[in-house]
Amino acid sequence: MEYDAKAMSTSYVEFRKKGFWSWDGYLEDALRLIAEASVAGEDPDWLAEARQHWLRQASGVFAGWIHPQLDEFLTTKDRRQVFFQLTDAASQRDDLTPKAAATLTFLVALGGVTSAPIRPAHGLHGVGRVPVSCLRSE
């Protein structure tokens, strides 16, 4: 899906007091892909609530105020690992757009990965790798 960047609102995504701004459409796509992704084995109990929340946030009704609630859902190392598995599965989809891929990369970076590759996307040309030390809260 293509977006008219001039007509879109933006939301600030935060985790551990660090974050990034995203066009809402890109963030909605990324959250939908994460919510639809599968992990090996049975879903942990917390994940059903997180999936439901992320799908609601991806619905298009929260213009300018999309809140993935990463601080609320990713409270342990194990939960962050599940989140990484979901973002990895989402990034393997055939229908993944470069903009959604870049947004997924920023979400992973907030979760604590040391660095994350980014595919070029509108507004992100030449970014290359994100130094997560500037995004992480130690």
C-alpha atoms as a PDB file:
ATOM      1  CA  MET A   1       0.000   0.000   0.000  1.00  0.00           C
ATOM      2  CA  GLU A   2       1.326   3.470  -0.877  1.00  0.00           C
ATOM      3  CA  TYR A   3       0.856   6.432   1.425  1.00  0.00           C
ATOM      4  CA  ASP A   4       0.622  10.151   0.848  1.00  0.00           C
ATOM      5  CA  ALA A   5       3.189  11.327   3.366  1.00  0.00           C
ATOM      6  CA  LYS A   6       1.864  14.906   3.301  1.00  0.00           C
ATOM      7  CA  ALA A   7      -1.597  13.782   4.403  1.00  0.00           C
ATOM      8  CA  MET A   8      -0.472  11.402   7.122  1.00  0.00           C
ATOM      9  CA  SER A   9      -0.024  11.925  10.790  1.00  0.00           C
ATOM     10  CA  THR A  10       2.927  10.662  12.797  1.00  0.00           C
ATOM     11  CA  SER A  11       3.298   8.888  16.097  1.00  0.00           C
ATOM     12  CA  TYR A  12       6.208   8.648  18.487  1.00  0.00           C
ATOM     13  CA  VAL A  13       7.158   5.089  19.428  1.00  0.00           C
ATOM     14  CA  GLU A  14       8.932   4.800  22.745  1.00  0.00           C
ATOM     15  CA  PHE A  15      10.572   1.996  24.685  1.00  0.00           C
ATOM     16  CA  ARG A  16      12.733   2.499  27.765  1.00  0.00           C
ATOM     17  CA  LYS A  17      12.647   6.283  27.350  1.00  0.00           C
ATOM     18  CA  LYS A  18      14.090   6.167  23.814  1.00  0.00           C
ATOM     19  CA  GLY A  19      12.204   6.170  20.572  1.00  0.00           C
ATOM     20  CA  PHE A  20      11.554   7.350  17.054  1.00  0.00           C
ATOM     21  CA  TRP A  21       8.882   9.114  15.009  1.00  0.00           C
ATOM     22  CA  SER A  22       7.044   7.170  12.332  1.00  0.00           C
ATOM     23  CA  TRP A  23       4.430   7.919   9.716  1.00  0.00           C
ATOM     24  CA  ASP A  24       1.292   6.256  11.046  1.00  0.00           C
ATOM     25  CA  GLY A  25       0.707   4.124   7.951  1.00  0.00           C
ATOM     26  CA  TYR A  26       4.184   2.601   8.173  1.00  0.00           C
ATOM     27  CA  LEU A  27       3.763   1.912  11.877  1.00  0.00           C
ATOM     28  CA  GLU A  28       0.287   0.442  11.357  1.00  0.00           C
ATOM     29  CA  ASP A  29       1.647  -1.929   8.695  1.00  0.00           C
ATOM     30  CA  ALA A  30       4.540  -3.021  10.916  1.00  0.00           C
ATOM     31  CA  LEU A  31       2.290  -3.621  13.935  1.00  0.00           C
ATOM     32  CA  ARG A  32      -0.178  -5.601  11.827  1.00  0.00           C
ATOM     33  CA  LEU A  33       2.631  -7.775  10.467  1.00  0.00           C
ATOM     34  CA  ILE A  34       3.987  -8.376  13.978  1.00  0.00           C
ATOM     35  CA  ALA A  35       0.536  -9.228  15.330  1.00  0.00           C
ATOM     36  CA  GLU A  36      -0.059 -11.697  12.502  1.00  0.00           C
ATOM     37  CA  ALA A  37       3.366 -13.363  12.788  1.00  0.00           C
ATOM     38  CA  SER A  38       3.807 -16.790  14.353  1.00  0.00           C
ATOM     39  CA  VAL A  39       6.301 -18.030  16.908  1.00  0.00           C
ATOM     40  CA  ALA A  40       7.390 -21.619  17.384  1.00  0.00           C
ATOM     41  CA  GLY A  41       5.345 -23.488  19.939  1.00  0.00           C
ATOM     42  CA  GLU A  42       2.440 -22.166  21.924  1.00  0.00           C
ATOM     43  CA  ASP A  43       1.999 -18.425  22.406  1.00  0.00           C
ATOM     44  CA  PRO A  44       2.874 -17.150  25.878  1.00  0.00           C
ATOM     45  CA  ASP A  45      -0.157 -15.877  27.813  1.00  0.00           C
ATOM     46  CA  TRP A  46       0.750 -12.183  27.471  1.00  0.00           C
ATOM     47  CA  LEU A  47       1.067 -12.403  23.684  1.00  0.00           C
ATOM     48  CA  ALA A  48      -2.671 -12.763  22.969  1.00  0.00           C
ATOM     49  CA  GLU A  49      -3.328  -9.424  24.673  1.00  0.00           C
ATOM     50  CA  ALA A  50      -0.365  -7.819  22.896  1.00  0.00           C
ATOM     51  CA  ARG A  51      -1.498  -9.107  19.480  1.00  0.00           C
ATOM     52  CA  GLN A  52      -5.006  -7.789  20.065  1.00  0.00           C
ATOM     53  CA  HIS A  53      -3.638  -4.398  21.121  1.00  0.00           C
ATOM     54  CA  TRP A  54      -1.259  -4.146  18.132  1.00  0.00           C
ATOM     55  CA  LEU A  55      -4.085  -5.017  15.712  1.00  0.00           C
ATOM     56  CA  ARG A  56      -6.265  -2.309  17.289  1.00  0.00           C
ATOM     57  CA  GLN A  57      -3.424   0.186  16.922  1.00  0.00           C
ATOM     58  CA  ALA A  58      -3.026  -0.866  13.268  1.00  0.00           C
ATOM     59  CA  SER A  59      -6.715  -0.265  12.523  1.00  0.00           C
ATOM     60  CA  GLY A  60      -6.282   3.307  11.294  1.00  0.00           C
ATOM     61  CA  VAL A  61      -8.343   5.007  13.999  1.00  0.00           C
ATOM     62  CA  PHE A  62      -5.478   6.288  16.163  1.00  0.00           C
ATOM     63  CA  ALA A  63      -4.106   8.995  13.857  1.00  0.00           C
ATOM     64  CA  GLY A  64      -1.214  10.726  15.541  1.00  0.00           C
ATOM     65  CA  TRP A  65      -1.449   8.572  18.646  1.00  0.00           C
ATOM     66  CA  ILE A  66      -0.461   5.004  17.811  1.00  0.00           C
ATOM     67  CA  HIS A  67       0.939   3.475  20.976  1.00  0.00           C
ATOM     68  CA  PRO A  68       2.355  -0.082  20.731  1.00  0.00           C
ATOM     69  CA  GLN A  69       2.799  -0.147  24.540  1.00  0.00           C
ATOM     70  CA  LEU A  70       6.234  -1.729  24.273  1.00  0.00           C
ATOM     71  CA  ASP A  71       7.097  -0.775  27.859  1.00  0.00           C
ATOM     72  CA  GLU A  72       3.965  -2.517  29.076  1.00  0.00           C
ATOM     73  CA  PHE A  73       4.319  -5.699  26.993  1.00  0.00           C
ATOM     74  CA  LEU A  74       8.098  -6.204  26.703  1.00  0.00           C
ATOM     75  CA  THR A  75       8.846  -6.274  30.422  1.00  0.00           C
ATOM     76  CA  THR A  76      11.303  -9.194  30.453  1.00  0.00           C
ATOM     77  CA  LYS A  77      14.156 -10.513  28.349  1.00  0.00           C
ATOM     78  CA  ASP A  78      11.991 -13.515  27.367  1.00  0.00           C
ATOM     79  CA  ARG A  79       9.200 -11.241  26.137  1.00  0.00           C
ATOM     80  CA  ARG A  80      11.664  -9.152  24.146  1.00  0.00           C
ATOM     81  CA  GLN A  81      12.996 -12.361  22.601  1.00  0.00           C
ATOM     82  CA  VAL A  82       9.466 -13.326  21.499  1.00  0.00           C
ATOM     83  CA  PHE A  83       9.059  -9.829  20.060  1.00  0.00           C
ATOM     84  CA  PHE A  84      12.315 -10.307  18.085  1.00  0.00           C
ATOM     85  CA  GLN A  85      10.981 -13.636  16.785  1.00  0.00           C
ATOM     86  CA  LEU A  86       7.753 -11.947  15.689  1.00  0.00           C
ATOM     87  CA  THR A  87       9.562  -9.089  13.954  1.00  0.00           C
ATOM     88  CA  ASP A  88      11.891 -11.570  12.275  1.00  0.00           C
ATOM     89  CA  ALA A  89       8.929 -13.617  11.007  1.00  0.00           C
ATOM     90  CA  ALA A  90       7.198 -10.424   9.843  1.00  0.00           C
ATOM     91  CA  SER A  91      10.327  -9.323   7.981  1.00  0.00           C
ATOM     92  CA  GLN A  92      10.321 -12.574   5.981  1.00  0.00           C
ATOM     93  CA  ARG A  93       6.895 -11.973   4.430  1.00  0.00           C
ATOM     94  CA  ASP A  94       6.682 -11.722   0.658  1.00  0.00           C
ATOM     95  CA  ASP A  95       4.362  -8.703   0.882  1.00  0.00           C
ATOM     96  CA  LEU A  96       6.737  -6.717   3.111  1.00  0.00           C
ATOM     97  CA  THR A  97       7.233  -3.172   1.832  1.00  0.00           C
ATOM     98  CA  PRO A  98      10.553  -1.352   2.282  1.00  0.00           C
ATOM     99  CA  LYS A  99       8.784   1.152   4.554  1.00  0.00           C
ATOM    100  CA  ALA A 100       7.387  -1.578   6.792  1.00  0.00           C
ATOM    101  CA  ALA A 101      10.813  -3.261   6.807  1.00  0.00           C
ATOM    102  CA  ALA A 102      12.465  -0.050   7.980  1.00  0.00           C
ATOM    103  CA  THR A 103       9.833   0.440  10.682  1.00  0.00           C
ATOM    104  CA  LEU A 104      10.312  -3.156  11.866  1.00  0.00           C
ATOM    105  CA  THR A 105      14.043  -2.486  12.065  1.00  0.00           C
ATOM    106  CA  PHE A 106      13.516   0.563  14.255  1.00  0.00           C
ATOM    107  CA  LEU A 107      11.173  -1.425  16.520  1.00  0.00           C
ATOM    108  CA  VAL A 108      13.791  -4.171  16.894  1.00  0.00           C
ATOM    109  CA  ALA A 109      16.453  -1.556  17.606  1.00  0.00           C
ATOM    110  CA  LEU A 110      14.363  -0.152  20.443  1.00  0.00           C
ATOM    111  CA  GLY A 111      14.158  -3.637  21.905  1.00  0.00           C
ATOM    112  CA  GLY A 112      17.886  -3.801  22.497  1.00  0.00           C
ATOM    113  CA  VAL A 113      19.676  -5.290  19.473  1.00  0.00           C
ATOM    114  CA  THR A 114      23.204  -3.958  19.018  1.00  0.00           C
ATOM    115  CA  SER A 115      22.620  -2.825  15.425  1.00  0.00           C
ATOM    116  CA  ALA A 116      20.006  -3.456  12.803  1.00  0.00           C
ATOM    117  CA  PRO A 117      20.159  -3.307   8.993  1.00  0.00           C
ATOM    118  CA  ILE A 118      17.660  -1.071   7.255  1.00  0.00           C
ATOM    119  CA  ARG A 119      16.417  -1.399   3.712  1.00  0.00           C
ATOM    120  CA  PRO A 120      16.248   1.975   1.940  1.00  0.00           C
ATOM    121  CA  ALA A 121      12.780   3.491   2.209  1.00  0.00           C
ATOM    122  CA  HIS A 122      11.152   6.835   1.504  1.00  0.00           C
ATOM    123  CA  GLY A 123      12.537   9.314   3.984  1.00  0.00           C
ATOM    124  CA  LEU A 124      15.246   6.899   5.120  1.00  0.00           C
ATOM    125  CA  HIS A 125      17.605   6.885   2.114  1.00  0.00           C
ATOM    126  CA  GLY A 126      21.198   6.301   3.066  1.00  0.00           C
ATOM    127  CA  VAL A 127      20.494   5.422   6.692  1.00  0.00           C
ATOM    128  CA  GLY A 128      22.293   2.078   6.431  1.00  0.00           C
ATOM    129  CA  ARG A 129      22.677   0.771   9.992  1.00  0.00           C
ATOM    130  CA  VAL A 130      21.080   2.240  13.077  1.00  0.00           C
ATOM    131  CA  PRO A 131      23.449   2.724  16.006  1.00  0.00           C
ATOM    132  CA  VAL A 132      21.219   1.433  18.753  1.00  0.00           C
ATOM    133  CA  SER A 133      23.254   2.980  21.506  1.00  0.00           C
ATOM    134  CA  CYS A 134      21.483   6.219  20.642  1.00  0.00           C
ATOM    135  CA  LEU A 135      18.102   4.468  20.920  1.00  0.00           C
ATOM    136  CA  ARG A 136      18.632   2.245  23.950  1.00  0.00           C
ATOM    137  CA  SER A 137      18.181   3.097  27.550  1.00  0.00           C
ATOM    138  CA  GLU A 138      20.876   1.272  29.497  1.00  0.00           C
END
